[in-house]
């Protein structure tokens, strides 16, 4: 029986992964013009270190992942380069309201850095629904390591088995699975995610309340 729903952010609350990937590709092509988007798919849904290690491999550079990431950031402004309102999924507020009315606790657990999370929630006016917000940057290892989900469950005062994680990426699903949570995965055929560990696969986020209701039954 679940008592909380924990949301991932990228790919769930905002359709950001394709936009990030386009931006990463544009940067990569300044270093290696013949690079393909397929070479960077490993960045999608990954932790900071795993994502930028993928970029290092694709560029075939001797730089560390931190050096490559820092070079990228010197030429990017995450707030001005992307309008998070345009990629916000409009069904989210109604879903959050319905889950709250069902008596479920809500939390957000994202690999993204905290300042970006807070900006996304504020600009889309949904921060009030998430009293608990956790960033992967708080941990040595984020998804697919389960620590972020174990920590979030503890902050909710619940066992992991009492939580439903809303995910899309292979790493996110794996993290929630390792934590011992139920998982509802949003299908996204653009990135070839392995969603085999998910308990549910959704064509639409509007399926979340129904799934949650079923899992609330003893």
N, C-alpha and C. Protein backbone atom coordinates (compact mmCIF):
# COMPACT_ATOMS: atom_id res chain seq x y z
N UNK A 1 0.84 -1.21 0.00
CA UNK A 1 0.00 0.00 0.00
C UNK A 1 0.88 1.25 0.00
N UNK A 2 0.70 2.10 -1.00
CA UNK A 2 1.54 3.29 -1.08
C UNK A 2 0.92 4.46 -0.33
N UNK A 3 1.79 5.35 0.14
CA UNK A 3 1.37 6.54 0.87
C UNK A 3 1.97 7.81 0.27
N UNK A 4 2.82 7.66 -0.75
CA UNK A 4 3.47 8.82 -1.36
C UNK A 4 3.79 8.56 -2.82
N UNK A 5 3.89 9.65 -3.56
CA UNK A 5 4.32 9.59 -4.96
C UNK A 5 5.53 10.50 -5.11
N UNK A 6 6.60 9.94 -5.63
CA UNK A 6 7.85 10.70 -5.82
C UNK A 6 8.07 10.89 -7.31
N UNK A 7 8.16 12.14 -7.72
CA UNK A 7 8.32 12.47 -9.13
C UNK A 7 9.78 12.73 -9.50
N UNK A 8 10.18 12.20 -10.63
CA UNK A 8 11.39 12.67 -11.31
C UNK A 8 10.99 13.99 -11.98
N UNK A 9 11.96 14.79 -12.40
CA UNK A 9 11.62 16.05 -13.05
C UNK A 9 11.83 16.01 -14.56
N UNK A 10 13.06 15.78 -14.99
CA UNK A 10 13.34 15.82 -16.42
C UNK A 10 12.72 14.63 -17.13
N UNK A 11 11.90 14.94 -18.13
CA UNK A 11 11.20 13.90 -18.86
C UNK A 11 9.83 13.61 -18.30
N UNK A 12 9.56 14.10 -17.08
CA UNK A 12 8.27 13.87 -16.44
C UNK A 12 7.54 15.20 -16.27
N UNK A 13 8.04 16.04 -15.40
CA UNK A 13 7.40 17.34 -15.17
C UNK A 13 7.66 18.29 -16.34
N UNK A 14 8.85 18.21 -16.88
CA UNK A 14 9.19 19.00 -18.07
C UNK A 14 9.74 18.06 -19.14
N UNK A 15 9.40 18.35 -20.39
CA UNK A 15 9.91 17.57 -21.52
C UNK A 15 11.25 18.15 -21.94
N UNK A 16 12.21 18.02 -21.05
CA UNK A 16 13.49 18.71 -21.20
C UNK A 16 14.58 17.89 -21.86
N UNK A 17 14.45 16.57 -21.83
CA UNK A 17 15.58 15.73 -22.22
C UNK A 17 16.00 15.95 -23.67
N UNK A 18 15.02 16.10 -24.56
CA UNK A 18 15.36 16.34 -25.97
C UNK A 18 16.01 17.70 -26.15
N UNK A 19 15.58 18.69 -25.35
CA UNK A 19 16.17 20.03 -25.45
C UNK A 19 17.60 20.04 -24.93
N UNK A 20 17.83 19.35 -23.82
CA UNK A 20 19.19 19.24 -23.30
C UNK A 20 20.09 18.53 -24.31
N UNK A 21 19.53 17.49 -24.92
CA UNK A 21 20.33 16.71 -25.86
C UNK A 21 20.71 17.54 -27.08
N UNK A 22 19.79 18.36 -27.57
CA UNK A 22 20.08 19.25 -28.70
C UNK A 22 21.19 20.24 -28.32
N UNK A 23 21.12 20.76 -27.11
CA UNK A 23 22.12 21.72 -26.64
C UNK A 23 23.48 21.05 -26.47
N UNK A 24 23.46 19.83 -25.93
CA UNK A 24 24.70 19.07 -25.78
C UNK A 24 25.32 18.76 -27.14
N UNK A 25 24.48 18.42 -28.09
CA UNK A 25 24.96 18.10 -29.43
C UNK A 25 25.59 19.32 -30.10
N UNK A 26 24.95 20.48 -29.95
CA UNK A 26 25.49 21.70 -30.54
C UNK A 26 26.87 22.00 -29.95
N UNK A 27 27.00 21.83 -28.65
CA UNK A 27 28.31 22.04 -28.01
C UNK A 27 29.33 21.02 -28.53
N UNK A 28 28.95 19.76 -28.57
CA UNK A 28 29.86 18.70 -29.00
C UNK A 28 30.37 18.94 -30.42
N UNK A 29 29.52 19.47 -31.27
CA UNK A 29 29.91 19.69 -32.67
C UNK A 29 30.88 20.85 -32.84
N UNK A 30 30.99 21.71 -31.80
CA UNK A 30 32.03 22.74 -31.85
C UNK A 30 33.40 22.11 -31.63
N UNK A 31 33.42 20.92 -31.06
CA UNK A 31 34.66 20.21 -30.79
C UNK A 31 34.92 19.10 -31.81
N UNK A 32 33.83 18.49 -32.27
CA UNK A 32 33.93 17.35 -33.18
C UNK A 32 32.73 17.41 -34.13
N UNK A 33 32.88 18.06 -35.27
CA UNK A 33 31.75 18.35 -36.16
C UNK A 33 30.94 17.14 -36.65
N UNK A 34 31.57 15.99 -36.72
CA UNK A 34 30.87 14.83 -37.27
C UNK A 34 30.13 14.00 -36.22
N UNK A 35 30.08 14.48 -34.98
CA UNK A 35 29.43 13.73 -33.92
C UNK A 35 27.93 13.63 -34.18
N UNK A 36 27.31 12.52 -33.80
CA UNK A 36 25.89 12.28 -34.04
C UNK A 36 25.14 12.29 -32.71
N UNK A 37 23.85 12.59 -32.79
CA UNK A 37 23.02 12.60 -31.59
C UNK A 37 23.03 11.24 -30.89
N UNK A 38 23.07 10.18 -31.69
CA UNK A 38 23.09 8.82 -31.13
C UNK A 38 24.29 8.60 -30.21
N UNK A 39 25.38 9.32 -30.48
CA UNK A 39 26.59 9.18 -29.65
C UNK A 39 26.39 9.73 -28.25
N UNK A 40 25.37 10.56 -28.07
CA UNK A 40 25.15 11.24 -26.79
C UNK A 40 23.91 10.75 -26.04
N UNK A 41 23.24 9.72 -26.56
CA UNK A 41 22.02 9.24 -25.91
C UNK A 41 22.26 8.78 -24.48
N UNK A 42 23.49 8.36 -24.18
CA UNK A 42 23.82 7.93 -22.83
C UNK A 42 23.77 9.06 -21.82
N UNK A 43 23.70 10.32 -22.28
CA UNK A 43 23.61 11.45 -21.36
C UNK A 43 22.21 11.61 -20.81
N UNK A 44 21.23 11.08 -21.52
CA UNK A 44 19.83 11.29 -21.16
C UNK A 44 19.45 10.50 -19.91
N UNK A 45 18.95 11.19 -18.91
CA UNK A 45 18.51 10.54 -17.68
C UNK A 45 19.63 10.07 -16.79
N UNK A 46 20.85 10.51 -17.06
CA UNK A 46 22.02 10.06 -16.30
C UNK A 46 22.38 11.03 -15.20
N UNK A 47 23.20 10.56 -14.29
CA UNK A 47 23.76 11.44 -13.27
C UNK A 47 24.74 12.39 -13.93
N UNK A 48 25.13 13.41 -13.21
CA UNK A 48 26.07 14.40 -13.75
C UNK A 48 27.35 13.75 -14.25
N UNK A 49 27.96 12.91 -13.43
CA UNK A 49 29.22 12.27 -13.82
C UNK A 49 29.04 11.32 -14.99
N UNK A 50 27.99 10.52 -14.95
CA UNK A 50 27.77 9.57 -16.04
C UNK A 50 27.48 10.28 -17.35
N UNK A 51 26.70 11.35 -17.28
CA UNK A 51 26.36 12.10 -18.49
C UNK A 51 27.60 12.70 -19.14
N UNK A 52 28.42 13.35 -18.33
CA UNK A 52 29.58 14.03 -18.91
C UNK A 52 30.71 13.06 -19.25
N UNK A 53 30.73 11.90 -18.62
CA UNK A 53 31.66 10.84 -19.04
C UNK A 53 31.27 10.35 -20.43
N UNK A 54 29.96 10.29 -20.70
CA UNK A 54 29.49 9.93 -22.04
C UNK A 54 29.96 10.96 -23.06
N UNK A 55 29.89 12.24 -22.70
CA UNK A 55 30.35 13.30 -23.60
C UNK A 55 31.85 13.17 -23.86
N UNK A 56 32.63 12.91 -22.82
CA UNK A 56 34.08 12.75 -22.96
C UNK A 56 34.39 11.61 -23.95
N UNK A 57 33.68 10.51 -23.79
CA UNK A 57 33.89 9.35 -24.66
C UNK A 57 33.53 9.69 -26.10
N UNK A 58 32.42 10.39 -26.30
CA UNK A 58 31.98 10.75 -27.64
C UNK A 58 32.96 11.71 -28.32
N UNK A 59 33.55 12.61 -27.51
CA UNK A 59 34.51 13.57 -28.06
C UNK A 59 35.91 12.97 -28.23
N UNK A 60 36.12 11.83 -27.56
CA UNK A 60 37.44 11.19 -27.59
C UNK A 60 38.53 12.18 -27.16
N UNK A 61 38.27 12.82 -26.02
CA UNK A 61 39.18 13.84 -25.51
C UNK A 61 39.94 13.33 -24.28
N UNK A 62 41.06 13.96 -24.01
CA UNK A 62 41.84 13.62 -22.81
C UNK A 62 41.39 14.43 -21.60
N UNK A 63 40.46 15.35 -21.79
CA UNK A 63 39.94 16.14 -20.68
C UNK A 63 39.11 15.27 -19.75
N UNK A 64 39.04 15.67 -18.48
CA UNK A 64 38.17 14.97 -17.53
C UNK A 64 36.72 15.39 -17.78
N UNK A 65 35.79 14.63 -17.22
CA UNK A 65 34.38 15.00 -17.41
C UNK A 65 34.09 16.34 -16.75
N UNK A 66 34.79 16.65 -15.63
CA UNK A 66 34.57 17.93 -14.97
C UNK A 66 35.06 19.09 -15.85
N UNK A 67 36.20 18.89 -16.51
CA UNK A 67 36.74 19.94 -17.38
C UNK A 67 35.82 20.20 -18.57
N UNK A 68 35.29 19.14 -19.14
CA UNK A 68 34.38 19.30 -20.28
C UNK A 68 33.10 19.98 -19.83
N UNK A 69 32.56 19.56 -18.70
CA UNK A 69 31.33 20.17 -18.19
C UNK A 69 31.56 21.65 -17.88
N UNK A 70 32.68 21.99 -17.28
CA UNK A 70 32.96 23.38 -16.94
C UNK A 70 33.10 24.23 -18.20
N UNK A 71 33.71 23.67 -19.23
CA UNK A 71 33.84 24.39 -20.50
C UNK A 71 32.46 24.65 -21.11
N UNK A 72 31.60 23.64 -21.04
CA UNK A 72 30.23 23.77 -21.53
C UNK A 72 29.50 24.88 -20.77
N UNK A 73 29.63 24.88 -19.44
CA UNK A 73 28.91 25.85 -18.63
C UNK A 73 29.38 27.27 -18.84
N UNK A 74 30.63 27.42 -19.20
CA UNK A 74 31.14 28.78 -19.46
C UNK A 74 30.44 29.41 -20.66
N UNK A 75 29.88 28.58 -21.50
CA UNK A 75 29.24 29.07 -22.72
C UNK A 75 27.72 28.89 -22.70
N UNK A 76 27.16 28.54 -21.54
CA UNK A 76 25.73 28.30 -21.44
C UNK A 76 25.17 28.96 -20.18
N UNK A 77 23.96 29.43 -20.30
CA UNK A 77 23.21 29.92 -19.14
C UNK A 77 21.95 29.08 -19.07
N UNK A 78 21.89 28.18 -18.10
CA UNK A 78 20.78 27.22 -18.06
C UNK A 78 19.42 27.90 -17.90
N UNK A 79 19.39 29.12 -17.36
CA UNK A 79 18.11 29.78 -17.17
C UNK A 79 17.67 30.58 -18.40
N UNK A 80 18.60 31.24 -19.07
CA UNK A 80 18.21 32.07 -20.20
C UNK A 80 18.14 31.30 -21.52
N UNK A 81 18.85 30.19 -21.60
CA UNK A 81 18.90 29.45 -22.86
C UNK A 81 17.66 28.59 -23.10
N UNK A 82 16.90 28.29 -22.05
CA UNK A 82 15.78 27.39 -22.19
C UNK A 82 14.59 27.91 -21.40
N UNK A 83 13.44 28.01 -22.08
CA UNK A 83 12.23 28.48 -21.41
C UNK A 83 11.51 27.26 -20.84
N UNK A 84 11.62 27.08 -19.53
CA UNK A 84 11.04 25.90 -18.88
C UNK A 84 9.51 25.93 -18.84
N UNK A 85 8.91 27.07 -19.17
CA UNK A 85 7.46 27.12 -19.24
C UNK A 85 6.94 26.47 -20.52
N UNK A 86 7.73 26.59 -21.59
CA UNK A 86 7.30 26.03 -22.87
C UNK A 86 7.37 24.50 -22.90
N UNK A 87 8.24 23.93 -22.06
CA UNK A 87 8.38 22.47 -22.06
C UNK A 87 7.75 21.83 -20.83
N UNK A 88 7.03 22.64 -20.07
CA UNK A 88 6.29 22.14 -18.91
C UNK A 88 5.10 21.33 -19.39
N UNK A 89 4.88 20.19 -18.75
CA UNK A 89 3.75 19.34 -19.16
C UNK A 89 2.48 19.88 -18.47
N UNK A 90 1.51 20.35 -19.26
CA UNK A 90 0.35 21.06 -18.69
C UNK A 90 -0.56 20.20 -17.82
N UNK A 91 -0.46 18.88 -17.92
CA UNK A 91 -1.32 18.01 -17.10
C UNK A 91 -0.83 17.92 -15.66
N UNK A 92 0.39 18.34 -15.40
CA UNK A 92 1.01 18.15 -14.08
C UNK A 92 0.23 18.79 -12.93
N UNK A 93 -0.19 20.06 -13.00
CA UNK A 93 -0.89 20.65 -11.85
C UNK A 93 -2.14 19.87 -11.43
N UNK A 94 -2.94 19.46 -12.40
CA UNK A 94 -4.15 18.71 -12.08
C UNK A 94 -3.81 17.35 -11.45
N UNK A 95 -2.75 16.72 -11.93
CA UNK A 95 -2.34 15.43 -11.38
C UNK A 95 -1.89 15.60 -9.93
N UNK A 96 -1.09 16.62 -9.67
CA UNK A 96 -0.61 16.87 -8.32
C UNK A 96 -1.76 17.17 -7.37
N UNK A 97 -2.71 17.95 -7.84
CA UNK A 97 -3.87 18.28 -7.03
C UNK A 97 -4.67 17.03 -6.69
N UNK A 98 -4.88 16.19 -7.70
CA UNK A 98 -5.68 14.98 -7.49
C UNK A 98 -4.98 14.02 -6.52
N UNK A 99 -3.67 13.86 -6.68
CA UNK A 99 -2.93 12.98 -5.77
C UNK A 99 -2.98 13.50 -4.34
N UNK A 100 -2.86 14.80 -4.19
CA UNK A 100 -2.92 15.41 -2.86
C UNK A 100 -4.30 15.20 -2.23
N UNK A 101 -5.34 15.35 -3.03
CA UNK A 101 -6.70 15.15 -2.54
C UNK A 101 -6.95 13.70 -2.14
N UNK A 102 -6.17 12.79 -2.72
CA UNK A 102 -6.27 11.38 -2.37
C UNK A 102 -5.56 11.08 -1.05
N UNK A 103 -4.89 12.09 -0.49
CA UNK A 103 -4.20 11.92 0.78
C UNK A 103 -2.77 11.43 0.65
N UNK A 104 -2.24 11.47 -0.54
CA UNK A 104 -0.87 11.01 -0.77
C UNK A 104 0.13 12.13 -0.55
N UNK A 105 1.27 11.80 0.04
CA UNK A 105 2.36 12.74 0.16
C UNK A 105 3.06 12.86 -1.20
N UNK A 106 3.66 14.02 -1.45
CA UNK A 106 4.35 14.26 -2.71
C UNK A 106 5.78 14.70 -2.46
N UNK A 107 6.67 14.26 -3.35
CA UNK A 107 8.08 14.67 -3.27
C UNK A 107 8.65 14.66 -4.68
N UNK A 108 9.78 15.33 -4.82
CA UNK A 108 10.48 15.34 -6.10
C UNK A 108 11.92 14.91 -5.86
N UNK A 109 12.39 13.99 -6.69
CA UNK A 109 13.78 13.50 -6.59
C UNK A 109 14.38 13.48 -7.99
N UNK A 110 15.27 14.43 -8.25
CA UNK A 110 15.83 14.60 -9.58
C UNK A 110 17.35 14.64 -9.53
N UNK A 111 17.99 14.10 -10.55
CA UNK A 111 19.45 14.16 -10.64
C UNK A 111 19.95 15.58 -10.92
N UNK A 112 19.05 16.44 -11.36
CA UNK A 112 19.41 17.81 -11.73
C UNK A 112 19.86 18.63 -10.52
N UNK A 113 20.70 19.63 -10.76
CA UNK A 113 21.18 20.48 -9.68
C UNK A 113 20.02 21.26 -9.06
N UNK A 114 20.13 21.55 -7.76
CA UNK A 114 19.02 22.09 -7.00
C UNK A 114 18.53 23.44 -7.51
N UNK A 115 19.44 24.32 -7.92
CA UNK A 115 18.99 25.64 -8.37
C UNK A 115 18.11 25.55 -9.61
N UNK A 116 18.41 24.60 -10.49
CA UNK A 116 17.58 24.41 -11.68
C UNK A 116 16.22 23.84 -11.28
N UNK A 117 16.21 22.86 -10.38
CA UNK A 117 14.94 22.30 -9.90
C UNK A 117 14.06 23.39 -9.33
N UNK A 118 14.62 24.20 -8.46
CA UNK A 118 13.84 25.25 -7.80
C UNK A 118 13.32 26.27 -8.82
N UNK A 119 14.14 26.56 -9.83
CA UNK A 119 13.71 27.49 -10.88
C UNK A 119 12.54 26.91 -11.67
N UNK A 120 12.63 25.65 -12.03
CA UNK A 120 11.56 25.00 -12.80
C UNK A 120 10.26 24.98 -12.01
N UNK A 121 10.34 24.64 -10.75
CA UNK A 121 9.13 24.58 -9.92
C UNK A 121 8.52 25.97 -9.74
N UNK A 122 9.37 26.96 -9.52
CA UNK A 122 8.88 28.32 -9.28
C UNK A 122 8.26 28.93 -10.53
N UNK A 123 8.94 28.79 -11.66
CA UNK A 123 8.47 29.45 -12.88
C UNK A 123 7.17 28.83 -13.39
N UNK A 124 6.95 27.55 -13.02
CA UNK A 124 5.72 26.87 -13.41
C UNK A 124 4.70 26.82 -12.27
N UNK A 125 5.03 27.49 -11.16
CA UNK A 125 4.11 27.70 -10.04
C UNK A 125 3.57 26.38 -9.46
N UNK A 126 4.46 25.43 -9.26
CA UNK A 126 4.04 24.16 -8.65
C UNK A 126 4.88 23.82 -7.41
N UNK A 127 5.67 24.77 -6.94
CA UNK A 127 6.55 24.49 -5.80
C UNK A 127 5.75 24.14 -4.55
N UNK A 128 4.52 24.64 -4.45
CA UNK A 128 3.72 24.38 -3.26
C UNK A 128 3.33 22.92 -3.10
N UNK A 129 3.39 22.17 -4.19
CA UNK A 129 3.01 20.75 -4.14
C UNK A 129 4.15 19.86 -3.66
N UNK A 130 5.35 20.41 -3.59
CA UNK A 130 6.51 19.59 -3.26
C UNK A 130 7.22 20.10 -2.00
N UNK A 131 6.74 19.72 -0.83
CA UNK A 131 7.42 20.12 0.41
C UNK A 131 8.79 19.49 0.55
N UNK A 132 9.01 18.40 -0.17
CA UNK A 132 10.30 17.72 -0.13
C UNK A 132 10.87 17.67 -1.55
N UNK A 133 12.02 18.31 -1.73
CA UNK A 133 12.70 18.35 -3.03
C UNK A 133 14.13 17.88 -2.81
N UNK A 134 14.54 16.88 -3.57
CA UNK A 134 15.87 16.30 -3.39
C UNK A 134 16.61 16.31 -4.72
N UNK A 135 17.86 16.74 -4.69
CA UNK A 135 18.72 16.80 -5.88
C UNK A 135 19.80 15.74 -5.81
N UNK A 136 20.09 15.14 -6.95
CA UNK A 136 21.17 14.15 -7.02
C UNK A 136 22.52 14.74 -6.68
N UNK A 137 22.64 16.08 -6.79
CA UNK A 137 23.91 16.73 -6.46
C UNK A 137 24.22 16.64 -4.97
N UNK A 138 23.25 16.23 -4.16
CA UNK A 138 23.46 16.09 -2.72
C UNK A 138 24.24 14.82 -2.39
N UNK A 139 24.40 13.94 -3.37
CA UNK A 139 25.00 12.64 -3.11
C UNK A 139 26.23 12.40 -3.97
N UNK A 140 27.10 11.55 -3.50
CA UNK A 140 28.28 11.19 -4.28
C UNK A 140 27.88 10.51 -5.57
N UNK A 141 26.87 9.65 -5.48
CA UNK A 141 26.36 8.97 -6.66
C UNK A 141 24.85 9.17 -6.72
N UNK A 142 24.35 9.64 -7.84
CA UNK A 142 22.91 9.77 -8.01
C UNK A 142 22.41 8.57 -8.80
N UNK A 143 21.26 8.67 -9.41
CA UNK A 143 20.68 7.58 -10.17
C UNK A 143 21.70 7.05 -11.20
N UNK A 144 21.85 5.73 -11.32
CA UNK A 144 21.00 4.62 -10.88
C UNK A 144 21.25 4.13 -9.45
N UNK A 145 22.15 4.78 -8.72
CA UNK A 145 22.31 4.44 -7.31
C UNK A 145 21.00 4.75 -6.58
N UNK A 146 20.54 3.89 -5.69
CA UNK A 146 19.24 4.09 -5.04
C UNK A 146 19.24 5.12 -3.92
N UNK A 147 20.40 5.66 -3.57
CA UNK A 147 20.49 6.52 -2.39
C UNK A 147 19.52 7.69 -2.44
N UNK A 148 19.35 8.31 -3.60
CA UNK A 148 18.47 9.47 -3.69
C UNK A 148 17.03 9.10 -3.33
N UNK A 149 16.62 7.90 -3.73
CA UNK A 149 15.26 7.46 -3.41
C UNK A 149 15.14 6.99 -1.97
N UNK A 150 16.15 6.33 -1.46
CA UNK A 150 16.13 5.92 -0.05
C UNK A 150 16.07 7.14 0.86
N UNK A 151 16.85 8.16 0.52
CA UNK A 151 16.87 9.40 1.29
C UNK A 151 15.51 10.10 1.23
N UNK A 152 14.92 10.17 0.04
CA UNK A 152 13.63 10.84 -0.12
C UNK A 152 12.54 10.13 0.67
N UNK A 153 12.53 8.80 0.64
CA UNK A 153 11.56 8.04 1.43
C UNK A 153 11.73 8.34 2.92
N UNK A 154 12.97 8.42 3.37
CA UNK A 154 13.24 8.72 4.78
C UNK A 154 12.74 10.12 5.14
N UNK A 155 12.91 11.08 4.22
CA UNK A 155 12.42 12.43 4.46
C UNK A 155 10.90 12.46 4.55
N UNK A 156 10.25 11.56 3.84
CA UNK A 156 8.80 11.45 3.89
C UNK A 156 8.32 10.71 5.13
N UNK A 157 9.27 10.07 5.82
CA UNK A 157 8.92 9.27 6.99
C UNK A 157 8.28 7.95 6.62
N UNK A 158 8.64 7.43 5.45
CA UNK A 158 8.03 6.21 4.94
C UNK A 158 9.07 5.17 4.56
N UNK A 159 8.62 3.93 4.44
CA UNK A 159 9.45 2.89 3.87
C UNK A 159 9.43 3.03 2.34
N UNK A 160 10.51 2.66 1.66
CA UNK A 160 10.51 2.74 0.20
C UNK A 160 9.34 2.00 -0.45
N UNK A 161 8.95 0.89 0.15
CA UNK A 161 7.84 0.10 -0.39
C UNK A 161 6.50 0.83 -0.33
N UNK A 162 6.46 1.92 0.42
CA UNK A 162 5.23 2.72 0.53
C UNK A 162 5.21 3.87 -0.46
N UNK A 163 6.17 3.88 -1.37
CA UNK A 163 6.30 4.98 -2.33
C UNK A 163 6.17 4.50 -3.78
N UNK A 164 5.53 5.32 -4.59
CA UNK A 164 5.45 5.12 -6.03
C UNK A 164 6.35 6.14 -6.71
N UNK A 165 7.32 5.69 -7.48
CA UNK A 165 8.22 6.58 -8.21
C UNK A 165 7.71 6.75 -9.64
N UNK A 166 7.71 8.00 -10.11
CA UNK A 166 7.31 8.31 -11.49
C UNK A 166 8.58 8.63 -12.26
N UNK A 167 8.91 7.79 -13.22
CA UNK A 167 10.19 7.88 -13.92
C UNK A 167 10.02 7.66 -15.42
N UNK A 168 11.11 7.84 -16.14
CA UNK A 168 11.11 7.51 -17.57
C UNK A 168 12.41 6.85 -18.00
N UNK A 169 13.54 7.29 -17.45
CA UNK A 169 14.84 6.83 -17.94
C UNK A 169 15.28 5.51 -17.32
N UNK A 170 16.18 4.84 -17.99
CA UNK A 170 16.73 3.58 -17.50
C UNK A 170 17.35 3.77 -16.12
N UNK A 171 18.17 4.82 -15.97
CA UNK A 171 18.85 5.05 -14.69
C UNK A 171 17.87 5.37 -13.58
N UNK A 172 16.87 6.17 -13.86
CA UNK A 172 15.90 6.52 -12.85
C UNK A 172 15.08 5.33 -12.39
N UNK A 173 14.64 4.54 -13.35
CA UNK A 173 13.88 3.33 -13.04
C UNK A 173 14.73 2.37 -12.22
N UNK A 174 15.97 2.21 -12.61
CA UNK A 174 16.87 1.31 -11.90
C UNK A 174 17.07 1.76 -10.45
N UNK A 175 17.23 3.05 -10.25
CA UNK A 175 17.41 3.59 -8.90
C UNK A 175 16.20 3.29 -8.02
N UNK A 176 15.01 3.54 -8.55
CA UNK A 176 13.80 3.29 -7.79
C UNK A 176 13.60 1.81 -7.51
N UNK A 177 13.94 0.98 -8.48
CA UNK A 177 13.83 -0.48 -8.32
C UNK A 177 14.77 -0.96 -7.22
N UNK A 178 16.00 -0.48 -7.24
CA UNK A 178 16.98 -0.88 -6.23
C UNK A 178 16.58 -0.40 -4.84
N UNK A 179 15.83 0.70 -4.80
CA UNK A 179 15.37 1.22 -3.51
C UNK A 179 14.19 0.42 -2.97
N UNK A 180 13.55 -0.35 -3.83
CA UNK A 180 12.41 -1.16 -3.40
C UNK A 180 11.07 -0.47 -3.54
N UNK A 181 10.97 0.48 -4.48
CA UNK A 181 9.73 1.21 -4.70
C UNK A 181 8.92 0.63 -5.84
N UNK A 182 7.63 0.94 -5.87
CA UNK A 182 6.82 0.69 -7.05
C UNK A 182 7.18 1.76 -8.07
N UNK A 183 7.08 1.41 -9.35
CA UNK A 183 7.53 2.34 -10.40
C UNK A 183 6.50 2.40 -11.51
N UNK A 184 6.14 3.63 -11.89
CA UNK A 184 5.32 3.88 -13.08
C UNK A 184 6.19 4.66 -14.05
N UNK A 185 6.43 4.10 -15.22
CA UNK A 185 7.34 4.71 -16.20
C UNK A 185 6.56 5.29 -17.38
N UNK A 186 6.87 6.54 -17.71
CA UNK A 186 6.29 7.18 -18.89
C UNK A 186 7.04 6.71 -20.12
N UNK A 187 6.32 6.14 -21.06
CA UNK A 187 6.95 5.64 -22.29
C UNK A 187 7.44 6.82 -23.13
N UNK A 188 8.69 6.76 -23.55
CA UNK A 188 9.27 7.77 -24.43
C UNK A 188 10.15 7.03 -25.44
N UNK A 189 9.65 6.91 -26.65
CA UNK A 189 10.32 6.09 -27.66
C UNK A 189 11.49 6.78 -28.34
N UNK A 190 11.76 8.03 -27.98
CA UNK A 190 12.85 8.77 -28.61
C UNK A 190 14.23 8.33 -28.13
N UNK A 191 14.30 7.79 -26.90
CA UNK A 191 15.60 7.57 -26.29
C UNK A 191 15.94 6.10 -26.02
N UNK A 192 15.04 5.21 -26.41
CA UNK A 192 15.31 3.76 -26.28
C UNK A 192 15.61 3.37 -24.84
N UNK A 193 14.87 3.92 -23.89
CA UNK A 193 15.05 3.56 -22.49
C UNK A 193 14.65 2.11 -22.25
N UNK A 194 15.38 1.47 -21.35
CA UNK A 194 15.00 0.14 -20.89
C UNK A 194 14.08 0.33 -19.68
N UNK A 195 12.81 0.04 -19.84
CA UNK A 195 11.82 0.24 -18.78
C UNK A 195 11.31 -1.09 -18.23
N UNK A 196 12.09 -2.14 -18.44
CA UNK A 196 11.65 -3.48 -18.06
C UNK A 196 11.48 -3.67 -16.55
N UNK A 197 12.14 -2.85 -15.75
CA UNK A 197 12.04 -2.97 -14.29
C UNK A 197 10.83 -2.24 -13.71
N UNK A 198 10.12 -1.49 -14.53
CA UNK A 198 8.96 -0.74 -14.05
C UNK A 198 7.77 -1.67 -13.84
N UNK A 199 6.96 -1.34 -12.83
CA UNK A 199 5.74 -2.09 -12.57
C UNK A 199 4.63 -1.71 -13.54
N UNK A 200 4.66 -0.46 -13.99
CA UNK A 200 3.66 0.05 -14.93
C UNK A 200 4.37 0.86 -15.99
N UNK A 201 3.85 0.80 -17.22
CA UNK A 201 4.36 1.64 -18.31
C UNK A 201 3.18 2.45 -18.84
N UNK A 202 3.35 3.77 -18.85
CA UNK A 202 2.25 4.69 -19.17
C UNK A 202 2.46 5.38 -20.51
N UNK A 203 1.40 5.44 -21.28
CA UNK A 203 1.42 6.25 -22.50
C UNK A 203 1.21 7.72 -22.16
N UNK A 204 0.55 7.97 -21.02
CA UNK A 204 0.22 9.34 -20.61
C UNK A 204 0.38 9.48 -19.10
N UNK A 205 0.82 10.66 -18.67
CA UNK A 205 0.94 10.93 -17.24
C UNK A 205 -0.42 10.95 -16.55
N UNK A 206 -1.48 11.14 -17.32
CA UNK A 206 -2.82 11.16 -16.74
C UNK A 206 -3.20 9.81 -16.14
N UNK A 207 -2.42 8.78 -16.39
CA UNK A 207 -2.67 7.46 -15.81
C UNK A 207 -2.20 7.37 -14.35
N UNK A 208 -1.41 8.34 -13.90
CA UNK A 208 -0.82 8.25 -12.56
C UNK A 208 -1.86 8.13 -11.45
N UNK A 209 -2.89 8.99 -11.39
CA UNK A 209 -3.84 8.86 -10.28
C UNK A 209 -4.51 7.49 -10.21
N UNK A 210 -4.84 6.91 -11.36
CA UNK A 210 -5.46 5.59 -11.37
C UNK A 210 -4.52 4.52 -10.84
N UNK A 211 -3.27 4.59 -11.24
CA UNK A 211 -2.27 3.63 -10.75
C UNK A 211 -2.09 3.80 -9.25
N UNK A 212 -1.99 5.05 -8.80
CA UNK A 212 -1.81 5.32 -7.38
C UNK A 212 -3.00 4.81 -6.57
N UNK A 213 -4.19 5.02 -7.09
CA UNK A 213 -5.40 4.57 -6.39
C UNK A 213 -5.37 3.05 -6.21
N UNK A 214 -5.00 2.34 -7.25
CA UNK A 214 -4.93 0.88 -7.15
C UNK A 214 -3.91 0.42 -6.12
N UNK A 215 -2.81 1.16 -6.04
CA UNK A 215 -1.74 0.78 -5.10
C UNK A 215 -2.05 1.21 -3.67
N UNK A 216 -3.05 2.03 -3.49
CA UNK A 216 -3.44 2.44 -2.14
C UNK A 216 -4.34 1.39 -1.48
N UNK A 217 -4.90 0.51 -2.28
CA UNK A 217 -5.79 -0.51 -1.73
C UNK A 217 -4.98 -1.58 -1.00
N UNK A 218 -5.42 -1.98 0.20
CA UNK A 218 -4.67 -2.98 0.98
C UNK A 218 -4.68 -4.34 0.30
